[in-house]
Amino acid sequence: MSDGQSETVSEDITLRQAQRQIDDWIQTIGVRYFDEMTNLAQLVEEVGEVARILSRTCGEQTYKSSDVPGDLGDELADVLFVTICLANQSGVDLTDALRRNLDKKTNRDRDRHRNNQKLS
């Protein structure tokens, strides 16, 4: 990364590494972060693109003849990218936040889903 640009990710990456690499990308290529409201709008747009793909591949919608099928992996990566931008802007360490969130869910839902008749 001596030229100031992020290297292409070719190995596993932690959330903390992703946050650093995206911050580096923003600072060197993206110029600056969009404001939080713009990034929120971008996030909603990207989630909509994920929904469009899934509604056509897993749901009851079909593609129009003029549609180009989207790449679900690429769209999910766009969601992750914008989510990480929002975390970086807000000073959120996603590694710690995800750990806390999983602990919360584990404690809250330890038996809830196992005992849910709808899931049997």
N, C-alpha and C. Protein backbone atom coordinates (compact mmCIF):
# COMPACT_ATOMS: atom_id res chain seq x y z
N MET A 1 0.82 -1.20 0.00
CA MET A 1 0.00 0.00 0.00
C MET A 1 0.86 1.25 0.00
N SER A 2 2.01 1.17 -0.48
CA SER A 2 2.92 2.30 -0.46
C SER A 2 2.46 3.44 -1.36
N ASP A 3 1.60 3.17 -2.33
CA ASP A 3 1.14 4.23 -3.23
C ASP A 3 -0.09 4.96 -2.69
N GLY A 4 -0.49 4.63 -1.45
CA GLY A 4 -1.63 5.32 -0.84
C GLY A 4 -2.97 4.70 -1.19
N GLN A 5 -2.98 3.62 -1.95
CA GLN A 5 -4.23 2.97 -2.31
C GLN A 5 -4.33 1.64 -1.59
N SER A 6 -5.58 1.24 -1.29
CA SER A 6 -5.81 -0.03 -0.63
C SER A 6 -5.48 -1.17 -1.58
N GLU A 7 -4.85 -2.20 -1.04
CA GLU A 7 -4.58 -3.36 -1.86
C GLU A 7 -5.85 -4.18 -2.01
N THR A 8 -5.93 -4.94 -3.07
CA THR A 8 -7.08 -5.79 -3.31
C THR A 8 -7.14 -6.86 -2.24
N VAL A 9 -8.33 -7.09 -1.70
CA VAL A 9 -8.52 -8.08 -0.66
C VAL A 9 -8.51 -9.46 -1.30
N SER A 10 -7.56 -10.31 -0.90
CA SER A 10 -7.48 -11.65 -1.46
C SER A 10 -7.53 -12.72 -0.39
N GLU A 11 -7.47 -12.35 0.85
CA GLU A 11 -7.53 -13.29 1.96
C GLU A 11 -8.67 -12.89 2.87
N ASP A 12 -8.92 -13.72 3.89
CA ASP A 12 -9.95 -13.38 4.86
C ASP A 12 -9.65 -12.00 5.45
N ILE A 13 -10.70 -11.31 5.78
CA ILE A 13 -10.54 -9.96 6.32
C ILE A 13 -11.45 -9.84 7.56
N THR A 14 -10.91 -9.26 8.60
CA THR A 14 -11.72 -9.04 9.79
C THR A 14 -12.54 -7.76 9.61
N LEU A 15 -13.53 -7.59 10.44
CA LEU A 15 -14.29 -6.34 10.39
C LEU A 15 -13.40 -5.14 10.67
N ARG A 16 -12.51 -5.28 11.63
CA ARG A 16 -11.61 -4.18 11.97
C ARG A 16 -10.71 -3.82 10.78
N GLN A 17 -10.20 -4.84 10.08
CA GLN A 17 -9.40 -4.59 8.89
C GLN A 17 -10.24 -3.94 7.80
N ALA A 18 -11.47 -4.40 7.64
CA ALA A 18 -12.35 -3.81 6.63
C ALA A 18 -12.60 -2.35 6.94
N GLN A 19 -12.82 -2.03 8.21
CA GLN A 19 -13.04 -0.64 8.58
C GLN A 19 -11.83 0.21 8.24
N ARG A 20 -10.64 -0.31 8.51
CA ARG A 20 -9.42 0.45 8.19
C ARG A 20 -9.24 0.58 6.68
N GLN A 21 -9.46 -0.50 5.93
CA GLN A 21 -9.25 -0.45 4.49
C GLN A 21 -10.25 0.48 3.81
N ILE A 22 -11.49 0.46 4.28
CA ILE A 22 -12.49 1.36 3.68
C ILE A 22 -12.16 2.80 4.04
N ASP A 23 -11.71 3.06 5.26
CA ASP A 23 -11.32 4.42 5.62
C ASP A 23 -10.16 4.88 4.74
N ASP A 24 -9.19 4.00 4.51
CA ASP A 24 -8.07 4.33 3.64
C ASP A 24 -8.57 4.62 2.22
N TRP A 25 -9.49 3.80 1.73
CA TRP A 25 -10.04 4.00 0.38
C TRP A 25 -10.75 5.35 0.29
N ILE A 26 -11.55 5.65 1.30
CA ILE A 26 -12.27 6.94 1.31
C ILE A 26 -11.28 8.09 1.28
N GLN A 27 -10.24 8.02 2.09
CA GLN A 27 -9.27 9.11 2.19
C GLN A 27 -8.44 9.28 0.93
N THR A 28 -8.17 8.18 0.20
CA THR A 28 -7.28 8.26 -0.95
C THR A 28 -7.99 8.29 -2.29
N ILE A 29 -9.14 7.65 -2.39
CA ILE A 29 -9.85 7.55 -3.66
C ILE A 29 -11.20 8.26 -3.61
N GLY A 30 -11.90 8.09 -2.51
CA GLY A 30 -13.24 8.66 -2.38
C GLY A 30 -13.26 10.12 -1.98
N VAL A 31 -12.13 10.70 -1.69
CA VAL A 31 -11.92 12.10 -1.30
C VAL A 31 -12.39 12.35 0.14
N ARG A 32 -13.65 12.04 0.45
CA ARG A 32 -14.17 12.21 1.81
C ARG A 32 -15.43 11.38 1.93
N TYR A 33 -15.87 11.18 3.17
CA TYR A 33 -17.13 10.49 3.40
C TYR A 33 -18.28 11.39 2.97
N PHE A 34 -19.31 10.79 2.38
CA PHE A 34 -20.57 11.52 2.21
C PHE A 34 -21.12 11.77 3.60
N ASP A 35 -21.97 12.78 3.76
CA ASP A 35 -22.56 12.99 5.08
C ASP A 35 -23.45 11.79 5.45
N GLU A 36 -23.76 11.67 6.73
CA GLU A 36 -24.47 10.50 7.23
C GLU A 36 -25.83 10.30 6.56
N MET A 37 -26.55 11.39 6.29
CA MET A 37 -27.86 11.24 5.66
C MET A 37 -27.73 10.76 4.22
N THR A 38 -26.71 11.21 3.52
CA THR A 38 -26.47 10.71 2.16
C THR A 38 -26.11 9.24 2.21
N ASN A 39 -25.25 8.86 3.16
CA ASN A 39 -24.90 7.44 3.28
C ASN A 39 -26.10 6.60 3.69
N LEU A 40 -26.98 7.14 4.52
CA LEU A 40 -28.20 6.41 4.85
C LEU A 40 -29.04 6.18 3.60
N ALA A 41 -29.18 7.20 2.77
CA ALA A 41 -29.92 7.05 1.51
C ALA A 41 -29.24 6.02 0.62
N GLN A 42 -27.91 6.04 0.58
CA GLN A 42 -27.17 5.05 -0.22
C GLN A 42 -27.42 3.64 0.31
N LEU A 43 -27.44 3.50 1.64
CA LEU A 43 -27.68 2.20 2.25
C LEU A 43 -29.06 1.67 1.88
N VAL A 44 -30.06 2.53 1.97
CA VAL A 44 -31.43 2.13 1.61
C VAL A 44 -31.48 1.73 0.14
N GLU A 45 -30.81 2.48 -0.72
CA GLU A 45 -30.77 2.15 -2.14
C GLU A 45 -30.13 0.79 -2.38
N GLU A 46 -29.02 0.51 -1.71
CA GLU A 46 -28.34 -0.77 -1.88
C GLU A 46 -29.18 -1.93 -1.34
N VAL A 47 -29.83 -1.73 -0.19
CA VAL A 47 -30.72 -2.77 0.35
C VAL A 47 -31.86 -3.02 -0.63
N GLY A 48 -32.35 -1.97 -1.28
CA GLY A 48 -33.39 -2.13 -2.29
C GLY A 48 -32.91 -2.98 -3.46
N GLU A 49 -31.65 -2.84 -3.84
CA GLU A 49 -31.11 -3.65 -4.93
C GLU A 49 -31.01 -5.12 -4.51
N VAL A 50 -30.66 -5.37 -3.25
CA VAL A 50 -30.66 -6.74 -2.73
C VAL A 50 -32.08 -7.29 -2.77
N ALA A 51 -33.04 -6.49 -2.33
CA ALA A 51 -34.44 -6.92 -2.32
C ALA A 51 -34.92 -7.23 -3.73
N ARG A 52 -34.54 -6.42 -4.68
CA ARG A 52 -34.96 -6.64 -6.07
C ARG A 52 -34.46 -7.99 -6.59
N ILE A 53 -33.20 -8.30 -6.33
CA ILE A 53 -32.64 -9.57 -6.77
C ILE A 53 -33.37 -10.73 -6.10
N LEU A 54 -33.51 -10.66 -4.78
CA LEU A 54 -34.13 -11.76 -4.05
C LEU A 54 -35.60 -11.93 -4.40
N SER A 55 -36.31 -10.83 -4.64
CA SER A 55 -37.72 -10.95 -4.99
C SER A 55 -37.89 -11.63 -6.34
N ARG A 56 -36.87 -11.56 -7.18
CA ARG A 56 -36.95 -12.16 -8.51
C ARG A 56 -36.34 -13.56 -8.56
N THR A 57 -35.41 -13.85 -7.67
CA THR A 57 -34.79 -15.17 -7.68
C THR A 57 -35.39 -16.12 -6.65
N CYS A 58 -35.92 -15.59 -5.57
CA CYS A 58 -36.49 -16.43 -4.51
C CYS A 58 -37.97 -16.16 -4.31
N GLY A 59 -38.43 -15.02 -4.74
CA GLY A 59 -39.83 -14.63 -4.56
C GLY A 59 -40.64 -14.87 -5.80
N GLU A 60 -41.76 -14.21 -5.86
CA GLU A 60 -42.71 -14.44 -6.94
C GLU A 60 -42.56 -13.47 -8.11
N GLN A 61 -41.69 -12.49 -7.99
CA GLN A 61 -41.45 -11.56 -9.09
C GLN A 61 -40.61 -12.22 -10.17
N THR A 62 -40.71 -11.72 -11.38
CA THR A 62 -39.86 -12.18 -12.47
C THR A 62 -39.14 -10.97 -13.05
N TYR A 63 -38.04 -11.26 -13.73
CA TYR A 63 -37.32 -10.20 -14.43
C TYR A 63 -38.07 -9.83 -15.70
N LYS A 64 -38.06 -8.54 -16.03
CA LYS A 64 -38.56 -8.10 -17.33
C LYS A 64 -37.52 -8.47 -18.38
N SER A 65 -37.94 -8.55 -19.62
CA SER A 65 -36.99 -8.92 -20.67
C SER A 65 -35.85 -7.91 -20.79
N SER A 66 -36.10 -6.66 -20.39
CA SER A 66 -35.07 -5.63 -20.48
C SER A 66 -34.15 -5.59 -19.25
N ASP A 67 -34.49 -6.35 -18.20
CA ASP A 67 -33.68 -6.36 -16.98
C ASP A 67 -32.39 -7.13 -17.16
N VAL A 68 -31.37 -6.66 -16.50
CA VAL A 68 -30.12 -7.40 -16.40
C VAL A 68 -30.07 -7.94 -14.98
N PRO A 69 -30.05 -9.26 -14.82
CA PRO A 69 -30.01 -9.81 -13.46
C PRO A 69 -28.83 -9.25 -12.68
N GLY A 70 -29.06 -8.91 -11.43
CA GLY A 70 -28.00 -8.36 -10.59
C GLY A 70 -27.16 -9.46 -9.95
N ASP A 71 -26.06 -9.05 -9.38
CA ASP A 71 -25.13 -9.94 -8.69
C ASP A 71 -25.36 -9.77 -7.19
N LEU A 72 -26.00 -10.77 -6.57
CA LEU A 72 -26.34 -10.67 -5.16
C LEU A 72 -25.12 -10.42 -4.29
N GLY A 73 -24.04 -11.12 -4.55
CA GLY A 73 -22.82 -10.92 -3.75
C GLY A 73 -22.30 -9.50 -3.83
N ASP A 74 -22.31 -8.94 -5.03
CA ASP A 74 -21.85 -7.56 -5.22
C ASP A 74 -22.76 -6.58 -4.49
N GLU A 75 -24.05 -6.81 -4.55
CA GLU A 75 -24.99 -5.90 -3.88
C GLU A 75 -24.87 -6.01 -2.36
N LEU A 76 -24.69 -7.23 -1.84
CA LEU A 76 -24.48 -7.38 -0.40
C LEU A 76 -23.18 -6.71 0.03
N ALA A 77 -22.16 -6.79 -0.82
CA ALA A 77 -20.90 -6.10 -0.52
C ALA A 77 -21.11 -4.58 -0.51
N ASP A 78 -21.96 -4.06 -1.40
CA ASP A 78 -22.28 -2.63 -1.38
C ASP A 78 -22.95 -2.24 -0.07
N VAL A 79 -23.88 -3.09 0.40
CA VAL A 79 -24.54 -2.84 1.70
C VAL A 79 -23.50 -2.80 2.81
N LEU A 80 -22.60 -3.76 2.79
CA LEU A 80 -21.55 -3.81 3.82
C LEU A 80 -20.63 -2.60 3.74
N PHE A 81 -20.27 -2.20 2.53
CA PHE A 81 -19.39 -1.03 2.35
C PHE A 81 -20.03 0.22 2.97
N VAL A 82 -21.28 0.48 2.65
CA VAL A 82 -21.93 1.69 3.17
C VAL A 82 -22.14 1.57 4.68
N THR A 83 -22.47 0.37 5.16
CA THR A 83 -22.62 0.17 6.60
C THR A 83 -21.30 0.48 7.31
N ILE A 84 -20.20 0.03 6.74
CA ILE A 84 -18.89 0.30 7.33
C ILE A 84 -18.57 1.79 7.27
N CYS A 85 -18.93 2.45 6.18
CA CYS A 85 -18.74 3.91 6.12
C CYS A 85 -19.49 4.60 7.26
N LEU A 86 -20.74 4.21 7.48
CA LEU A 86 -21.53 4.81 8.56
C LEU A 86 -20.90 4.52 9.92
N ALA A 87 -20.41 3.31 10.11
CA ALA A 87 -19.74 2.96 11.37
C ALA A 87 -18.49 3.82 11.56
N ASN A 88 -17.69 3.94 10.51
CA ASN A 88 -16.47 4.75 10.61
C ASN A 88 -16.80 6.20 10.95
N GLN A 89 -17.80 6.75 10.29
CA GLN A 89 -18.17 8.14 10.53
C GLN A 89 -18.68 8.36 11.95
N SER A 90 -19.28 7.32 12.51
CA SER A 90 -19.91 7.43 13.83
C SER A 90 -19.02 6.95 14.96
N GLY A 91 -17.81 6.50 14.62
CA GLY A 91 -16.89 6.02 15.65
C GLY A 91 -17.28 4.68 16.23
N VAL A 92 -18.00 3.86 15.47
CA VAL A 92 -18.44 2.55 15.94
C VAL A 92 -17.42 1.50 15.52
N ASP A 93 -16.92 0.73 16.48
CA ASP A 93 -16.05 -0.41 16.21
C ASP A 93 -16.98 -1.59 15.96
N LEU A 94 -17.12 -2.00 14.71
CA LEU A 94 -18.07 -3.06 14.36
C LEU A 94 -17.70 -4.41 14.97
N THR A 95 -16.43 -4.66 15.21
CA THR A 95 -16.04 -5.91 15.86
C THR A 95 -16.65 -5.98 17.24
N ASP A 96 -16.47 -4.93 18.03
CA ASP A 96 -17.04 -4.89 19.38
C ASP A 96 -18.56 -4.87 19.32
N ALA A 97 -19.12 -4.10 18.41
CA ALA A 97 -20.58 -4.01 18.31
C ALA A 97 -21.19 -5.35 17.95
N LEU A 98 -20.58 -6.08 17.03
CA LEU A 98 -21.11 -7.38 16.64
C LEU A 98 -21.00 -8.38 17.77
N ARG A 99 -19.87 -8.36 18.48
CA ARG A 99 -19.72 -9.26 19.65
C ARG A 99 -20.81 -9.00 20.67
N ARG A 100 -21.03 -7.73 21.00
CA ARG A 100 -22.08 -7.39 21.97
C ARG A 100 -23.45 -7.81 21.47
N ASN A 101 -23.70 -7.60 20.18
CA ASN A 101 -24.99 -7.93 19.60
C ASN A 101 -25.23 -9.44 19.63
N LEU A 102 -24.20 -10.23 19.30
CA LEU A 102 -24.35 -11.69 19.34
C LEU A 102 -24.56 -12.18 20.78
N ASP A 103 -23.86 -11.58 21.74
CA ASP A 103 -24.07 -11.93 23.15
C ASP A 103 -25.51 -11.62 23.56
N LYS A 104 -26.00 -10.46 23.16
CA LYS A 104 -27.38 -10.07 23.48
C LYS A 104 -28.37 -11.08 22.90
N LYS A 105 -28.20 -11.42 21.64
CA LYS A 105 -29.10 -12.36 20.98
C LYS A 105 -29.01 -13.75 21.60
N THR A 106 -27.80 -14.17 21.95
CA THR A 106 -27.62 -15.48 22.56
C THR A 106 -28.34 -15.55 23.89
N ASN A 107 -28.17 -14.53 24.72
CA ASN A 107 -28.83 -14.52 26.03
C ASN A 107 -30.35 -14.41 25.90
N ARG A 108 -30.81 -13.59 25.01
CA ARG A 108 -32.24 -13.36 24.84
C ARG A 108 -32.94 -14.55 24.17
N ASP A 109 -32.27 -15.17 23.21
CA ASP A 109 -32.93 -16.17 22.37
C ASP A 109 -32.43 -17.59 22.59
N ARG A 110 -31.75 -17.81 23.71
CA ARG A 110 -31.14 -19.12 23.97
C ARG A 110 -32.10 -20.26 23.68
N ASP A 111 -33.33 -20.18 24.13
CA ASP A 111 -34.32 -21.24 23.92
C ASP A 111 -35.48 -20.81 23.04
N ARG A 112 -35.58 -19.55 22.77
CA ARG A 112 -36.74 -19.01 22.04
C ARG A 112 -36.97 -19.70 20.70
N HIS A 113 -35.98 -19.79 19.87
CA HIS A 113 -36.15 -20.35 18.53
C HIS A 113 -36.29 -21.88 18.58
N ARG A 114 -35.55 -22.49 19.48
CA ARG A 114 -35.62 -23.95 19.64
C ARG A 114 -37.03 -24.37 20.06
N ASN A 115 -37.71 -23.53 20.85
CA ASN A 115 -39.05 -23.84 21.32
C ASN A 115 -40.16 -23.28 20.43
N ASN A 116 -39.80 -22.69 19.32
CA ASN A 116 -40.78 -22.11 18.41
C ASN A 116 -41.34 -23.20 17.51
N GLN A 117 -42.62 -23.55 17.69
CA GLN A 117 -43.25 -24.60 16.89
C GLN A 117 -43.23 -24.28 15.40
N LYS A 118 -43.26 -23.01 15.06
CA LYS A 118 -43.25 -22.62 13.65
C LYS A 118 -41.96 -22.99 12.95
N LEU A 119 -40.89 -23.18 13.71
CA LEU A 119 -39.59 -23.50 13.13
C LEU A 119 -39.32 -25.01 13.10
N SER A 120 -40.21 -25.79 13.65
CA SER A 120 -40.01 -27.25 13.69
C SER A 120 -40.31 -27.89 12.37
